[in-house]
Amino acid sequence: MSLPLIRLAIGRTNGTAHHGVLLDTGPLTACATHTRDLEPIGENTAHHMCQSCTRALLVLTTLPHEGGEPEFRPGADTGKSAVAHRPIPGHLLGYCGKPLDNRCSAARRVCANCTGLGAALDGLRHRAGDLLVSAGEPCHTDDTVLWAPSGRDNLVTGHCRDVTTGQALCARPLSGPNPGAPNECAPCRRIWQEAEAARQTHTLPRLRRRARWWPQRRQLDTFDDRTGTLRPGDAYALSGCVETHHVVTAVDRSRRSHTHLVAYLPTADRIVDVRLHRDRLVTVQRPY
C-alpha cells in the first residue's frame, strides 16, 4: 500500500513543519526527526519548513538532468581534493544544501550531511514503500493567481504580483498566494492590463521572430549551469519540461533561494513568469 507524503508538525498553527508519513508505529519524517508528537497539518499554514525536508522533497520530485549527472560533485569554488557532495537530481545543490560546481568529484571523503540525508530518505522509502508524492514546483507560474498583502490585514482583496520586484504591482509588500480572494486590487488590475497590452503588441511579435530564427543561429555557446547565471537573450532547457525557454527578464536576488524570470515559450506562443531554484541545473544556449 502506498502512503502519501504529508506535512507534519508539533503545533497546528506555527513552528517547524516536516515532510513525512504516518505509519502504524508513529510519524516518520524525511529528515529522520524522531518524535511521536508530530501530527498532520494543512498546506497553507504559518509554519517554517524544515530545510532538510525541503531538500528531500526536491530529491523526490525532480527528474535528473537530461545530459546525465555524476554521483558526486565538489562544492562550489573548491579544489579537486575537497569533500565530495551528493547532488540533488537536476540541481547544482548538494543533499546538505551546499551549492556545487558543475564537475565530477574524485575525492574519497564524502560529506557527512549528504550521507545522513541520503540514509534518512532510504529509510523512509524502505519503511513507507512506494510514496505518493505531489508534483514538484511547476516550471511556469500562473500570473493570474492573486496574492495577499504583507501582514495579511486584508484577505478580501488580492493583488497581482510583479515577478521582477516580488511586490504587488501597486508596490505593496506581499506575504503569499491568496487564490481565494473575492476581490482584486483596482490599481494592480489597471497596471497589469497596461503591461499585458504592451506584451501582446510589442514584446510578443519580437520574440516570435527571434524564436523562429533561433535554430538556424550558428554563433551559440551551449553549456550547463545554474539558473542564477541566466540573463536576457539566453535560451535554456531543463529536466521535466519539453519547452525551450527564451529569457526576456532575469532577476536573481542575492540571498534568496529562487531566481525569477520572464520567458517566452515558442510552442505555447506565450510569455510566462518562471520561478526556479537558483541552483537548478539547466542547459543554456547563449549567443556570442
Protein backbone atom coordinates (compact mmCIF):
# COMPACT_ATOMS: atom_id res chain seq x y z
CA MET A 1 0.00 0.00 0.00
CA SER A 2 1.35 3.43 -0.98
CA LEU A 3 1.42 6.20 1.61
CA PRO A 4 1.07 9.91 0.80
CA LEU A 5 3.87 12.27 1.76
CA ILE A 6 2.25 14.88 4.03
CA ARG A 7 3.21 17.84 6.19
CA LEU A 8 3.77 17.12 9.87
CA ALA A 9 4.33 19.44 12.82
CA ILE A 10 4.01 19.52 16.60
CA GLY A 11 2.00 22.76 16.66
CA ARG A 12 -1.06 23.10 14.45
CA THR A 13 -0.62 26.81 13.68
CA ASN A 14 3.13 27.54 13.80
CA GLY A 15 6.55 26.05 14.43
CA THR A 16 8.65 23.81 12.16
CA ALA A 17 6.91 21.61 9.60
CA HIS A 18 8.34 18.40 8.12
CA HIS A 19 7.56 16.18 5.14
CA GLY A 20 6.81 12.62 6.16
CA VAL A 21 4.32 9.78 6.51
CA LEU A 22 2.14 8.32 9.26
CA LEU A 23 2.95 4.67 9.98
CA ASP A 24 1.24 2.31 12.41
CA THR A 25 4.24 2.80 14.68
CA GLY A 26 4.03 6.62 14.50
CA PRO A 27 5.21 9.52 12.31
CA LEU A 28 8.32 9.19 10.13
CA THR A 29 9.89 12.27 8.54
CA ALA A 30 12.14 12.62 5.51
CA CYS A 31 14.87 14.12 7.71
CA ALA A 32 14.59 11.34 10.35
CA THR A 33 13.32 13.66 13.09
CA HIS A 34 12.13 11.39 15.91
CA THR A 35 9.12 12.48 17.97
CA ARG A 36 5.68 10.96 18.41
CA ASP A 37 4.13 14.42 18.87
CA LEU A 38 4.09 15.19 15.14
CA GLU A 39 0.62 15.49 13.63
CA PRO A 40 -0.69 16.20 10.10
CA ILE A 41 -1.19 19.87 9.18
CA GLY A 42 -2.62 21.69 6.18
CA GLU A 43 -0.72 23.20 3.27
CA ASN A 44 -1.27 26.92 3.86
CA THR A 45 -0.07 27.49 7.42
CA ALA A 46 2.39 29.83 9.12
CA HIS A 47 4.92 27.04 9.80
CA HIS A 48 8.57 27.30 8.81
CA MET A 49 9.57 24.36 6.62
CA CYS A 50 12.42 22.12 7.76
CA GLN A 51 15.27 22.81 5.31
CA SER A 52 16.39 19.18 5.20
CA CYS A 53 12.83 18.09 4.36
CA THR A 54 12.65 20.79 1.67
CA ARG A 55 15.76 19.37 0.02
CA ALA A 56 14.42 15.83 0.44
CA LEU A 57 11.27 16.86 -1.45
CA LEU A 58 13.46 18.17 -4.28
CA VAL A 59 15.18 14.78 -4.42
CA LEU A 60 11.83 13.01 -4.66
CA THR A 61 10.17 15.32 -7.23
CA THR A 62 12.93 16.47 -9.62
CA LEU A 63 13.89 14.47 -12.72
CA PRO A 64 17.62 14.03 -13.43
CA HIS A 65 19.31 16.35 -15.90
CA GLU A 66 18.97 15.03 -19.45
CA GLY A 67 22.71 15.33 -20.06
CA GLY A 68 23.44 12.95 -17.19
CA GLU A 69 24.80 13.69 -13.73
CA PRO A 70 27.76 12.33 -11.73
CA GLU A 71 27.25 10.56 -8.43
CA PHE A 72 29.29 13.19 -6.59
CA ARG A 73 30.30 16.80 -7.19
CA PRO A 74 32.65 19.17 -5.33
CA GLY A 75 31.39 22.23 -3.53
CA ALA A 76 31.31 25.49 -5.48
CA ASP A 77 34.69 27.24 -5.72
CA THR A 78 36.60 24.39 -4.06
CA GLY A 79 39.62 22.37 -5.17
CA LYS A 80 39.82 18.87 -6.64
CA SER A 81 40.62 17.29 -3.29
CA ALA A 82 37.66 18.90 -1.49
CA VAL A 83 34.93 16.84 0.15
CA ALA A 84 32.55 15.18 -2.33
CA HIS A 85 28.85 16.03 -2.14
CA ARG A 86 25.85 14.07 -3.37
CA PRO A 87 23.89 16.29 -5.81
CA ILE A 88 20.13 16.63 -5.77
CA PRO A 89 18.83 15.47 -9.20
CA GLY A 90 18.53 18.33 -11.66
CA HIS A 91 20.35 20.75 -9.34
CA LEU A 92 23.83 22.06 -8.62
CA LEU A 93 22.95 21.68 -4.95
CA GLY A 94 24.07 19.03 -2.51
CA TYR A 95 21.85 16.95 -0.26
CA CYS A 96 23.42 19.04 2.51
CA GLY A 97 22.30 22.34 0.92
CA LYS A 98 25.72 23.46 -0.28
CA PRO A 99 25.98 24.92 -3.84
CA LEU A 100 28.05 22.65 -6.09
CA ASP A 101 30.35 23.02 -9.08
CA ASN A 102 29.35 21.61 -12.46
CA ARG A 103 32.06 18.93 -12.49
CA CYS A 104 32.71 15.49 -11.10
CA SER A 105 34.47 14.86 -7.81
CA ALA A 106 37.08 12.17 -7.26
CA ALA A 107 37.52 12.93 -3.55
CA ARG A 108 37.46 9.95 -1.20
CA ARG A 109 35.80 11.83 1.63
CA VAL A 110 32.04 12.25 1.28
CA CYS A 111 30.07 14.98 3.07
CA ALA A 112 28.59 13.54 6.27
CA ASN A 113 25.46 15.69 5.98
CA CYS A 114 24.79 14.47 2.43
CA THR A 115 25.24 10.90 3.62
CA GLY A 116 22.90 11.50 6.55
CA LEU A 117 20.02 12.86 4.46
CA GLY A 118 20.52 10.13 1.88
CA ALA A 119 20.30 7.47 4.60
CA ALA A 120 17.16 9.12 6.03
CA LEU A 121 15.48 9.07 2.60
CA ASP A 122 16.49 5.44 2.04
CA GLY A 123 14.98 4.59 5.41
CA LEU A 124 11.77 6.44 4.52
CA ARG A 125 11.44 4.58 1.23
CA HIS A 126 12.20 1.25 2.88
CA ARG A 127 9.61 1.62 5.63
CA ALA A 128 6.91 3.51 3.71
CA GLY A 129 7.19 1.66 0.39
CA ASP A 130 6.07 3.49 -2.75
CA LEU A 131 5.44 7.09 -1.71
CA LEU A 132 2.59 9.15 -3.15
CA VAL A 133 4.34 12.45 -3.76
CA SER A 134 2.65 15.50 -5.22
CA ALA A 135 4.29 17.09 -8.25
CA GLY A 136 7.15 19.47 -7.60
CA GLU A 137 7.06 23.20 -8.16
CA PRO A 138 5.66 23.98 -11.63
CA CYS A 139 8.12 25.32 -14.16
CA HIS A 140 5.79 28.18 -15.07
CA THR A 141 3.82 30.14 -12.51
CA ASP A 142 0.24 31.26 -13.04
CA ASP A 143 0.29 35.05 -13.31
CA THR A 144 -3.47 35.17 -12.71
CA VAL A 145 -3.10 33.98 -9.08
CA LEU A 146 -3.80 36.77 -6.59
CA TRP A 147 -1.54 37.41 -3.60
CA ALA A 148 -2.15 38.56 -0.02
CA PRO A 149 -0.50 41.76 1.30
CA SER A 150 2.19 41.53 3.94
CA GLY A 151 0.68 41.31 7.41
CA ARG A 152 -2.46 39.66 5.99
CA ASP A 153 -4.50 42.66 7.16
CA ASN A 154 -6.85 42.30 4.18
CA LEU A 155 -7.50 38.85 2.73
CA VAL A 156 -10.59 40.00 0.86
CA THR A 157 -8.65 41.95 -1.77
CA GLY A 158 -5.99 40.11 -3.81
CA HIS A 159 -3.02 41.71 -5.57
CA CYS A 160 -1.17 40.99 -8.81
CA ARG A 161 2.49 40.14 -8.25
CA ASP A 162 5.38 41.78 -10.11
CA VAL A 163 7.89 38.99 -10.76
CA THR A 164 10.78 41.46 -11.15
CA THR A 165 10.34 43.04 -7.70
CA GLY A 166 8.48 40.42 -5.67
CA GLN A 167 5.97 43.08 -4.65
CA ALA A 168 2.45 43.82 -5.82
CA LEU A 169 2.06 45.86 -9.00
CA CYS A 170 0.69 48.60 -6.74
CA ALA A 171 4.02 48.42 -4.81
CA ARG A 172 2.62 46.77 -1.65
CA PRO A 173 4.75 44.06 0.02
CA LEU A 174 3.26 40.59 -0.31
CA SER A 175 3.21 37.61 2.04
CA GLY A 176 1.98 34.74 -0.13
CA PRO A 177 -0.64 33.50 -2.61
CA ASN A 178 -4.29 34.28 -1.86
CA PRO A 179 -6.19 32.50 -4.66
CA GLY A 180 -9.48 32.64 -2.76
CA ALA A 181 -9.65 36.44 -2.62
CA PRO A 182 -13.09 37.52 -3.93
CA ASN A 183 -11.89 40.99 -4.99
CA GLU A 184 -8.92 42.25 -6.97
CA CYS A 185 -6.91 45.40 -6.25
CA ALA A 186 -8.01 48.01 -8.81
CA PRO A 187 -4.57 49.68 -9.25
CA CYS A 188 -2.95 46.25 -9.71
CA ARG A 189 -5.50 45.31 -12.32
CA ARG A 190 -5.06 48.55 -14.25
CA ILE A 191 -1.25 48.21 -14.31
CA TRP A 192 -1.49 44.54 -15.33
CA GLN A 193 -3.83 45.35 -18.22
CA GLU A 194 -1.47 48.08 -19.50
CA ALA A 195 1.54 45.76 -19.23
CA GLU A 196 -0.30 42.90 -20.93
CA ALA A 197 -1.32 45.17 -23.80
CA ALA A 198 2.34 46.14 -24.30
CA ARG A 199 3.36 42.47 -24.20
CA GLN A 200 0.84 41.49 -26.86
CA THR A 201 1.51 44.49 -29.11
CA HIS A 202 5.31 44.83 -28.96
CA THR A 203 7.11 42.12 -26.97
CA LEU A 204 5.36 39.00 -28.27
CA PRO A 205 5.84 39.71 -32.04
CA ARG A 206 9.55 40.43 -31.46
CA LEU A 207 10.03 37.21 -29.50
CA ARG A 208 8.18 35.19 -32.16
CA ARG A 209 10.62 36.39 -34.81
CA ARG A 210 13.58 35.68 -32.57
CA ALA A 211 12.44 32.16 -31.73
CA ARG A 212 11.66 31.38 -35.38
CA TRP A 213 15.28 32.01 -36.41
CA TRP A 214 16.90 30.66 -33.24
CA PRO A 215 17.56 27.06 -34.51
CA GLN A 216 19.44 28.49 -37.52
CA ARG A 217 21.86 30.56 -35.47
CA ARG A 218 25.43 29.31 -35.68
CA GLN A 219 27.03 31.53 -33.06
CA LEU A 220 25.60 29.85 -29.96
CA ASP A 221 27.55 28.77 -26.91
CA THR A 222 25.85 25.74 -25.26
CA PHE A 223 26.71 24.74 -21.71
CA ASP A 224 25.22 23.50 -18.43
CA ASP A 225 24.94 25.91 -15.50
CA ARG A 226 22.63 27.04 -12.68
CA THR A 227 19.61 29.26 -13.29
CA GLY A 228 21.21 32.05 -11.25
CA THR A 229 23.55 32.72 -14.22
CA LEU A 230 20.77 33.19 -16.81
CA ARG A 231 20.47 36.59 -18.45
CA PRO A 232 18.17 38.20 -21.03
CA GLY A 233 18.81 36.84 -24.52
CA ASP A 234 19.59 33.30 -23.32
CA ALA A 235 17.55 30.23 -24.12
CA TYR A 236 17.50 27.28 -21.76
CA ALA A 237 16.06 23.81 -21.24
CA LEU A 238 15.65 21.82 -18.02
CA SER A 239 14.53 18.36 -16.96
CA GLY A 240 10.81 17.81 -16.62
CA CYS A 241 9.80 20.38 -19.28
CA VAL A 242 9.85 19.90 -23.05
CA GLU A 243 9.80 23.63 -23.81
CA THR A 244 12.72 25.79 -24.87
CA HIS A 245 12.58 28.92 -22.71
CA HIS A 246 13.73 32.25 -24.16
CA VAL A 247 14.68 34.60 -21.34
CA VAL A 248 13.14 38.07 -21.51
CA THR A 249 13.96 39.25 -17.97
CA ALA A 250 16.02 37.62 -15.23
CA VAL A 251 16.05 38.66 -11.57
CA ASP A 252 18.42 36.80 -9.23
CA ARG A 253 18.00 38.44 -5.85
CA SER A 254 21.02 37.87 -3.63
CA ARG A 255 20.47 35.69 -0.56
CA ARG A 256 17.21 34.39 -1.99
CA SER A 257 16.71 30.74 -2.87
CA HIS A 258 14.93 31.31 -6.19
CA THR A 259 15.54 33.10 -9.48
CA HIS A 260 12.59 34.87 -11.09
CA LEU A 261 12.35 35.01 -14.88
CA VAL A 262 10.05 36.21 -17.60
CA ALA A 263 10.35 33.81 -20.54
CA TYR A 264 8.82 33.18 -23.94
CA LEU A 265 7.59 29.66 -24.82
CA PRO A 266 7.52 29.17 -28.61
CA THR A 267 5.37 26.02 -28.58
CA ALA A 268 2.69 27.63 -26.43
CA ASP A 269 3.31 31.05 -28.02
CA ARG A 270 3.02 32.93 -24.75
CA ILE A 271 5.07 34.87 -22.23
CA VAL A 272 5.15 33.39 -18.74
CA ASP A 273 6.55 34.09 -15.31
CA VAL A 274 9.05 31.47 -14.16
CA ARG A 275 10.24 30.80 -10.61
CA LEU A 276 13.13 28.33 -10.27
CA HIS A 277 15.57 27.40 -7.55
CA ARG A 278 18.70 29.46 -8.23
CA ASP A 279 20.79 26.24 -8.21
CA ARG A 280 18.53 24.40 -10.70
CA LEU A 281 20.66 22.78 -13.41
CA VAL A 282 19.79 24.00 -16.92
CA THR A 283 21.28 23.69 -20.41
CA VAL A 284 21.94 27.23 -21.61
CA GLN A 285 22.22 28.49 -25.19
CA ARG A 286 23.87 31.91 -25.30
CA PRO A 287 24.67 33.98 -28.41
CA TYR A 288 28.28 35.17 -28.70
